[in-house]
Amino acid sequence: MFGRNKIRSKQDHVILLVDDDKGQLDVFATWMAAIRPSADIRTATSVQEALNLITTHTFSLIVSDYSIPHAGAGLNIFEAAVQSGIPKSNFIMLSGTTDNLPDEVRLVSKGDLVALETAIQQALV
């Protein structure tokens, strides 16, 4: 189903996945490794952990939950990512809501793996 057409890139990407639900994050990281086998996948379970990683690493893509641990906290990660130099198009926010999200945030509904895979492919062109 998902990941059937694994994309192998000449360039290895460094991808950060952020979610405060450790179980969901582990499944998400496993799925990401299946669709991007050459990528270096990093994970964070808190805003602070994500911010620390953003200041010490260069990421090709960041995918973050919007509500980590409360609604809107993912925007702090978005702002730090943009300040670090990542293009806005290479940040994907996962959320079940569109309330209070700036227009420049690429939003994918949490659980929509087809849309997420498409957004990842577009970001990592």
C-alpha atoms as a PDB file:
ATOM      1  CA  MET A   1       0.000   0.000   0.000  1.00  0.00           C
ATOM      2  CA  PHE A   2       2.035   2.999   1.212  1.00  0.00           C
ATOM      3  CA  GLY A   3       5.692   3.092   0.336  1.00  0.00           C
ATOM      4  CA  ARG A   4       5.343   0.694  -2.583  1.00  0.00           C
ATOM      5  CA  ASN A   5       7.257   3.102  -4.754  1.00  0.00           C
ATOM      6  CA  LYS A   6      10.181   3.730  -2.462  1.00  0.00           C
ATOM      7  CA  ILE A   7      11.997   6.837  -3.534  1.00  0.00           C
ATOM      8  CA  ARG A   8      15.740   6.520  -3.483  1.00  0.00           C
ATOM      9  CA  SER A   9      17.503   9.810  -3.696  1.00  0.00           C
ATOM     10  CA  LYS A  10      21.050  10.483  -4.757  1.00  0.00           C
ATOM     11  CA  GLN A  11      21.154  12.867  -1.817  1.00  0.00           C
ATOM     12  CA  ASP A  12      20.406  11.620   1.660  1.00  0.00           C
ATOM     13  CA  HIS A  13      17.855  13.768   3.451  1.00  0.00           C
ATOM     14  CA  VAL A  14      17.796  14.485   7.157  1.00  0.00           C
ATOM     15  CA  ILE A  15      14.202  14.468   8.368  1.00  0.00           C
ATOM     16  CA  LEU A  16      12.860  15.492  11.772  1.00  0.00           C
ATOM     17  CA  LEU A  17       9.573  14.020  13.009  1.00  0.00           C
ATOM     18  CA  VAL A  18       7.963  15.629  16.063  1.00  0.00           C
ATOM     19  CA  ASP A  19       5.075  14.232  18.109  1.00  0.00           C
ATOM     20  CA  ASP A  20       4.538  13.978  21.857  1.00  0.00           C
ATOM     21  CA  ASP A  21       2.836  10.578  21.478  1.00  0.00           C
ATOM     22  CA  LYS A  22       5.873   8.253  21.595  1.00  0.00           C
ATOM     23  CA  GLY A  23       3.992   5.234  20.251  1.00  0.00           C
ATOM     24  CA  GLN A  24       2.610   7.177  17.310  1.00  0.00           C
ATOM     25  CA  LEU A  25       6.039   8.722  16.691  1.00  0.00           C
ATOM     26  CA  ASP A  26       7.692   5.286  16.558  1.00  0.00           C
ATOM     27  CA  VAL A  27       5.141   4.033  14.013  1.00  0.00           C
ATOM     28  CA  PHE A  28       5.541   7.252  12.023  1.00  0.00           C
ATOM     29  CA  ALA A  29       9.356   6.914  12.012  1.00  0.00           C
ATOM     30  CA  THR A  30       9.098   3.300  10.830  1.00  0.00           C
ATOM     31  CA  TRP A  31       6.736   4.344   8.017  1.00  0.00           C
ATOM     32  CA  MET A  32       9.029   7.225   7.027  1.00  0.00           C
ATOM     33  CA  ALA A  33      12.042   4.894   6.905  1.00  0.00           C
ATOM     34  CA  ALA A  34      10.064   2.592   4.604  1.00  0.00           C
ATOM     35  CA  ILE A  35       9.208   5.341   2.114  1.00  0.00           C
ATOM     36  CA  ARG A  36      12.561   7.163   2.446  1.00  0.00           C
ATOM     37  CA  PRO A  37      15.107   4.381   3.093  1.00  0.00           C
ATOM     38  CA  SER A  38      18.130   6.583   2.389  1.00  0.00           C
ATOM     39  CA  ALA A  39      17.005   9.332   4.775  1.00  0.00           C
ATOM     40  CA  ASP A  40      18.438  10.002   8.211  1.00  0.00           C
ATOM     41  CA  ILE A  41      15.302  10.082  10.392  1.00  0.00           C
ATOM     42  CA  ARG A  42      15.461  11.973  13.695  1.00  0.00           C
ATOM     43  CA  THR A  43      12.623  12.210  16.213  1.00  0.00           C
ATOM     44  CA  ALA A  44      11.600  14.529  19.033  1.00  0.00           C
ATOM     45  CA  THR A  45       8.831  14.097  21.600  1.00  0.00           C
ATOM     46  CA  SER A  46       8.718  17.679  22.874  1.00  0.00           C
ATOM     47  CA  VAL A  47       8.956  21.224  21.602  1.00  0.00           C
ATOM     48  CA  GLN A  48      12.196  21.777  23.516  1.00  0.00           C
ATOM     49  CA  GLU A  49      13.792  18.617  22.130  1.00  0.00           C
ATOM     50  CA  ALA A  50      12.796  19.667  18.601  1.00  0.00           C
ATOM     51  CA  LEU A  51      14.180  23.180  19.109  1.00  0.00           C
ATOM     52  CA  ASN A  52      17.474  21.741  20.371  1.00  0.00           C
ATOM     53  CA  LEU A  53      17.766  19.493  17.319  1.00  0.00           C
ATOM     54  CA  ILE A  54      16.928  22.356  14.949  1.00  0.00           C
ATOM     55  CA  THR A  55      19.748  24.451  16.414  1.00  0.00           C
ATOM     56  CA  THR A  56      22.304  21.639  16.106  1.00  0.00           C
ATOM     57  CA  HIS A  57      21.335  19.981  12.799  1.00  0.00           C
ATOM     58  CA  THR A  58      20.384  20.967   9.279  1.00  0.00           C
ATOM     59  CA  PHE A  59      17.128  19.325   8.220  1.00  0.00           C
ATOM     60  CA  SER A  60      15.779  18.775   4.725  1.00  0.00           C
ATOM     61  CA  LEU A  61      12.254  18.302   6.048  1.00  0.00           C
ATOM     62  CA  ILE A  62      10.434  18.710   9.353  1.00  0.00           C
ATOM     63  CA  VAL A  63       7.062  17.110  10.036  1.00  0.00           C
ATOM     64  CA  SER A  64       5.466  18.183  13.310  1.00  0.00           C
ATOM     65  CA  ASP A  65       2.263  17.695  15.195  1.00  0.00           C
ATOM     66  CA  TYR A  66       0.384  20.965  15.758  1.00  0.00           C
ATOM     67  CA  SER A  67      -0.716  20.101  19.297  1.00  0.00           C
ATOM     68  CA  ILE A  68       2.501  19.156  21.068  1.00  0.00           C
ATOM     69  CA  PRO A  69       1.471  19.079  23.924  1.00  0.00           C
ATOM     70  CA  HIS A  70      -1.113  21.843  23.505  1.00  0.00           C
ATOM     71  CA  ALA A  71      -2.782  23.446  20.482  1.00  0.00           C
ATOM     72  CA  GLY A  72      -0.435  25.782  18.639  1.00  0.00           C
ATOM     73  CA  ALA A  73       2.843  24.576  20.147  1.00  0.00           C
ATOM     74  CA  GLY A  74       3.882  23.225  16.736  1.00  0.00           C
ATOM     75  CA  LEU A  75       4.009  26.823  15.510  1.00  0.00           C
ATOM     76  CA  ASN A  76       7.034  27.415  17.773  1.00  0.00           C
ATOM     77  CA  ILE A  77       8.794  24.601  15.937  1.00  0.00           C
ATOM     78  CA  PHE A  78       7.732  26.069  12.578  1.00  0.00           C
ATOM     79  CA  GLU A  79       9.138  29.497  13.498  1.00  0.00           C
ATOM     80  CA  ALA A  80      12.450  27.997  14.685  1.00  0.00           C
ATOM     81  CA  ALA A  81      12.700  25.890  11.537  1.00  0.00           C
ATOM     82  CA  VAL A  82      12.187  28.905   9.276  1.00  0.00           C
ATOM     83  CA  GLN A  83      14.732  30.906  11.293  1.00  0.00           C
ATOM     84  CA  SER A  84      17.212  28.040  10.858  1.00  0.00           C
ATOM     85  CA  GLY A  85      16.886  28.401   7.088  1.00  0.00           C
ATOM     86  CA  ILE A  86      14.542  25.577   6.164  1.00  0.00           C
ATOM     87  CA  PRO A  87      12.147  26.643   3.397  1.00  0.00           C
ATOM     88  CA  LYS A  88       8.557  27.010   4.600  1.00  0.00           C
ATOM     89  CA  SER A  89       7.557  24.459   1.964  1.00  0.00           C
ATOM     90  CA  ASN A  90       9.777  21.880   3.720  1.00  0.00           C
ATOM     91  CA  PHE A  91       7.826  22.070   6.960  1.00  0.00           C
ATOM     92  CA  ILE A  92       4.674  19.986   7.235  1.00  0.00           C
ATOM     93  CA  MET A  93       2.230  20.434  10.107  1.00  0.00           C
ATOM     94  CA  LEU A  94       0.017  17.516  11.089  1.00  0.00           C
ATOM     95  CA  SER A  95      -3.282  18.508  12.616  1.00  0.00           C
ATOM     96  CA  GLY A  96      -6.933  17.697  12.806  1.00  0.00           C
ATOM     97  CA  THR A  97      -7.742  21.417  12.793  1.00  0.00           C
ATOM     98  CA  THR A  98      -6.957  24.430  10.650  1.00  0.00           C
ATOM     99  CA  ASP A  99      -7.753  26.954  13.370  1.00  0.00           C
ATOM    100  CA  ASN A 100      -5.165  29.691  13.830  1.00  0.00           C
ATOM    101  CA  LEU A 101      -2.682  28.327  11.303  1.00  0.00           C
ATOM    102  CA  PRO A 102      -0.826  30.864   9.174  1.00  0.00           C
ATOM    103  CA  ASP A 103      -1.384  30.489   5.427  1.00  0.00           C
ATOM    104  CA  GLU A 104       2.270  29.638   4.811  1.00  0.00           C
ATOM    105  CA  VAL A 105       2.090  26.472   6.946  1.00  0.00           C
ATOM    106  CA  ARG A 106       1.666  23.341   4.841  1.00  0.00           C
ATOM    107  CA  LEU A 107      -1.062  21.408   6.645  1.00  0.00           C
ATOM    108  CA  VAL A 108      -1.815  17.718   6.325  1.00  0.00           C
ATOM    109  CA  SER A 109      -4.655  16.137   8.237  1.00  0.00           C
ATOM    110  CA  LYS A 110      -3.299  13.803  10.877  1.00  0.00           C
ATOM    111  CA  GLY A 111      -3.754  10.235   9.689  1.00  0.00           C
ATOM    112  CA  ASP A 112      -3.982  11.032   5.956  1.00  0.00           C
ATOM    113  CA  LEU A 113      -0.905   9.088   4.851  1.00  0.00           C
ATOM    114  CA  VAL A 114      -1.637   9.516   1.150  1.00  0.00           C
ATOM    115  CA  ALA A 115      -1.655  13.319   1.459  1.00  0.00           C
ATOM    116  CA  LEU A 116       1.379  13.193   3.744  1.00  0.00           C
ATOM    117  CA  GLU A 117       3.379  11.063   1.314  1.00  0.00           C
ATOM    118  CA  THR A 118       2.461  13.480  -1.499  1.00  0.00           C
ATOM    119  CA  ALA A 119       3.489  16.508   0.594  1.00  0.00           C
ATOM    120  CA  ILE A 120       6.802  14.853   1.503  1.00  0.00           C
ATOM    121  CA  GLN A 121       7.512  14.055  -2.133  1.00  0.00           C
ATOM    122  CA  GLN A 122       6.767  17.669  -3.135  1.00  0.00           C
ATOM    123  CA  ALA A 123       8.964  19.060  -0.363  1.00  0.00           C
ATOM    124  CA  LEU A 124      11.943  16.854  -1.164  1.00  0.00           C
ATOM    125  CA  VAL A 125      11.987  17.331  -4.926  1.00  0.00           C
END
